[in-house]
C-alpha atoms as a PDB file:
ATOM      1  CA  MET A   1     -27.635 -18.717 -17.884  1.00  0.00           C
ATOM      2  CA  ARG A   2     -26.136 -15.425 -17.038  1.00  0.00           C
ATOM      3  CA  LYS A   3     -25.625 -16.545 -13.276  1.00  0.00           C
ATOM      4  CA  TRP A   4     -23.375 -19.363 -14.502  1.00  0.00           C
ATOM      5  CA  LEU A   5     -21.425 -17.131 -16.698  1.00  0.00           C
ATOM      6  CA  VAL A   6     -20.780 -14.686 -13.860  1.00  0.00           C
ATOM      7  CA  VAL A   7     -19.810 -17.575 -11.633  1.00  0.00           C
ATOM      8  CA  LEU A   8     -17.462 -19.110 -14.262  1.00  0.00           C
ATOM      9  CA  MET A   9     -15.838 -15.665 -14.961  1.00  0.00           C
ATOM     10  CA  THR A  10     -15.380 -15.112 -11.198  1.00  0.00           C
ATOM     11  CA  ALA A  11     -13.800 -18.552 -10.779  1.00  0.00           C
ATOM     12  CA  ALA A  12     -11.456 -17.931 -13.691  1.00  0.00           C
ATOM     13  CA  ALA A  13     -10.352 -14.600 -12.308  1.00  0.00           C
ATOM     14  CA  VAL A  14      -9.652 -16.086  -8.848  1.00  0.00           C
ATOM     15  CA  GLY A  15      -7.766 -18.949 -10.415  1.00  0.00           C
ATOM     16  CA  ALA A  16      -5.654 -16.565 -12.630  1.00  0.00           C
ATOM     17  CA  THR A  17      -4.827 -14.329  -9.662  1.00  0.00           C
ATOM     18  CA  GLY A  18      -3.821 -17.378  -7.610  1.00  0.00           C
ATOM     19  CA  LEU A  19      -1.536 -18.702 -10.417  1.00  0.00           C
ATOM     20  CA  LEU A  20       0.069 -15.224 -10.866  1.00  0.00           C
ATOM     21  CA  GLY A  21       0.640 -14.897  -7.114  1.00  0.00           C
ATOM     22  CA  TRP A  22       2.262 -18.270  -6.953  1.00  0.00           C
ATOM     23  CA  MET A  23       4.472 -17.485  -9.817  1.00  0.00           C
ATOM     24  CA  TYR A  24       5.510 -14.214  -8.228  1.00  0.00           C
ATOM     25  CA  VAL A  25       6.338 -15.839  -4.870  1.00  0.00           C
ATOM     26  CA  SER A  26       8.254 -18.723  -6.394  1.00  0.00           C
ATOM     27  CA  GLN A  27      10.710 -16.560  -8.505  1.00  0.00           C
ATOM     28  CA  ASP A  28      14.336 -16.410  -7.533  1.00  0.00           C
ATOM     29  CA  ARG A  29      15.057 -12.883  -6.546  1.00  0.00           C
ATOM     30  CA  LYS A  30      18.071 -13.412  -4.315  1.00  0.00           C
ATOM     31  CA  GLY A  31      21.635 -13.012  -5.522  1.00  0.00           C
ATOM     32  CA  PRO A  32      24.467 -15.457  -4.765  1.00  0.00           C
ATOM     33  CA  GLU A  33      26.650 -15.278  -1.706  1.00  0.00           C
ATOM     34  CA  ILE A  34      30.226 -14.360  -2.248  1.00  0.00           C
ATOM     35  CA  THR A  35      32.768 -15.590   0.205  1.00  0.00           C
ATOM     36  CA  ILE A  36      36.645 -15.241   0.365  1.00  0.00           C
ATOM     37  CA  ASP A  37      38.946 -17.630   2.049  1.00  0.00           C
ATOM     38  CA  GLU A  38      40.361 -15.952   5.257  1.00  0.00           C
ATOM     39  CA  SER A  39      43.874 -16.873   4.226  1.00  0.00           C
ATOM     40  CA  LYS A  40      43.482 -14.742   1.093  1.00  0.00           C
ATOM     41  CA  LYS A  41      42.109 -11.546   2.766  1.00  0.00           C
ATOM     42  CA  GLY A  42      44.724  -8.807   2.915  1.00  0.00           C
ATOM     43  CA  SER A  43      47.063 -10.347   0.507  1.00  0.00           C
ATOM     44  CA  TYR A  44      46.996  -7.806  -2.345  1.00  0.00           C
ATOM     45  CA  THR A  45      50.126  -6.893  -4.203  1.00  0.00           C
ATOM     46  CA  GLU A  46      50.234  -4.299  -6.909  1.00  0.00           C
ATOM     47  CA  GLY A  47      49.851  -5.712 -10.435  1.00  0.00           C
ATOM     48  CA  MET A  48      47.896  -8.808  -9.492  1.00  0.00           C
ATOM     49  CA  THR A  49      45.828 -10.275 -12.281  1.00  0.00           C
ATOM     50  CA  ALA A  50      42.185 -10.971 -12.073  1.00  0.00           C
ATOM     51  CA  GLU A  51      42.845 -14.761 -11.883  1.00  0.00           C
ATOM     52  CA  GLU A  52      45.136 -14.156  -8.828  1.00  0.00           C
ATOM     53  CA  LEU A  53      42.561 -11.899  -7.130  1.00  0.00           C
ATOM     54  CA  LEU A  54      39.756 -14.580  -7.751  1.00  0.00           C
ATOM     55  CA  ASP A  55      41.905 -17.298  -6.063  1.00  0.00           C
ATOM     56  CA  GLY A  56      40.116 -18.278  -2.809  1.00  0.00           C
ATOM     57  CA  VAL A  57      36.791 -16.559  -3.816  1.00  0.00           C
ATOM     58  CA  LYS A  58      33.597 -18.511  -4.246  1.00  0.00           C
ATOM     59  CA  ALA A  59      30.083 -17.749  -5.092  1.00  0.00           C
ATOM     60  CA  THR A  60      27.095 -19.947  -4.158  1.00  0.00           C
ATOM     61  CA  ASP A  61      23.364 -19.578  -4.827  1.00  0.00           C
ATOM     62  CA  ASP A  62      20.458 -21.049  -2.943  1.00  0.00           C
ATOM     63  CA  LYS A  63      18.841 -22.453  -6.152  1.00  0.00           C
ATOM     64  CA  ASP A  64      21.816 -22.783  -8.592  1.00  0.00           C
ATOM     65  CA  GLY A  65      24.565 -24.157  -6.164  1.00  0.00           C
ATOM     66  CA  ASP A  66      28.090 -23.120  -7.053  1.00  0.00           C
ATOM     67  CA  VAL A  67      28.124 -20.147  -9.537  1.00  0.00           C
ATOM     68  CA  SER A  68      31.857 -19.346  -8.963  1.00  0.00           C
ATOM     69  CA  ASP A  69      32.469 -19.489 -12.760  1.00  0.00           C
ATOM     70  CA  SER A  70      30.336 -16.167 -13.028  1.00  0.00           C
ATOM     71  CA  LEU A  71      32.761 -14.224 -10.599  1.00  0.00           C
ATOM     72  CA  THR A  72      34.552 -11.274 -11.938  1.00  0.00           C
ATOM     73  CA  VAL A  73      36.694  -8.505 -10.428  1.00  0.00           C
ATOM     74  CA  GLU A  74      34.653  -5.237 -11.037  1.00  0.00           C
ATOM     75  CA  SER A  75      37.230  -2.857  -9.642  1.00  0.00           C
ATOM     76  CA  VAL A  76      40.306  -2.390  -7.625  1.00  0.00           C
ATOM     77  CA  TYR A  77      40.558   0.932  -5.874  1.00  0.00           C
ATOM     78  CA  GLU A  78      43.548   2.142  -4.013  1.00  0.00           C
ATOM     79  CA  VAL A  79      42.335   3.947  -0.815  1.00  0.00           C
ATOM     80  CA  ASP A  80      45.893   5.017   0.278  1.00  0.00           C
ATOM     81  CA  ASP A  81      49.394   3.592   0.220  1.00  0.00           C
ATOM     82  CA  SER A  82      48.518   0.572   2.228  1.00  0.00           C
ATOM     83  CA  ASN A  83      44.888  -0.122   1.612  1.00  0.00           C
ATOM     84  CA  VAL A  84      43.113  -1.378  -1.518  1.00  0.00           C
ATOM     85  CA  VAL A  85      39.462  -2.196  -2.058  1.00  0.00           C
ATOM     86  CA  VAL A  86      38.679  -5.030  -4.518  1.00  0.00           C
ATOM     87  CA  THR A  87      35.031  -5.427  -5.544  1.00  0.00           C
ATOM     88  CA  TYR A  88      33.859  -8.871  -6.759  1.00  0.00           C
ATOM     89  CA  VAL A  89      30.663  -9.521  -8.657  1.00  0.00           C
ATOM     90  CA  ALA A  90      28.665 -12.837  -9.320  1.00  0.00           C
ATOM     91  CA  LYS A  91      25.454 -13.578 -10.871  1.00  0.00           C
ATOM     92  CA  ASP A  92      23.123 -16.555 -10.959  1.00  0.00           C
ATOM     93  CA  ALA A  93      20.891 -18.163 -13.647  1.00  0.00           C
ATOM     94  CA  SER A  94      18.184 -15.816 -12.899  1.00  0.00           C
ATOM     95  CA  ASN A  95      20.482 -12.852 -13.502  1.00  0.00           C
ATOM     96  CA  ASN A  96      20.445 -11.796  -9.841  1.00  0.00           C
ATOM     97  CA  ILE A  97      23.712  -9.946  -9.079  1.00  0.00           C
ATOM     98  CA  ALA A  98      25.626  -9.856  -5.926  1.00  0.00           C
ATOM     99  CA  LYS A  99      28.681  -7.576  -5.055  1.00  0.00           C
ATOM    100  CA  LEU A 100      31.303  -7.967  -2.314  1.00  0.00           C
END
């Protein structure tokens, strides 16, 4: 009787470990990819709105597809008189975040 109980408990432990391993491996842990239309790069003018800055920017995710509606402008940083760095952020349904 005890032998069967040990066998049953071992089988349950192996099954649970396999299930947890599969759940971990199948999780979405990769953020979306943000792309900017080449014609829009380098076209910043002072006072642009977030809507204008997001024109030509897209975000796609392997599992969720187009997630461009989650795009936001995180910051606009003036490096010098002629250079500005714009940081874009997007997230997918699994709350993975990507920045560009």
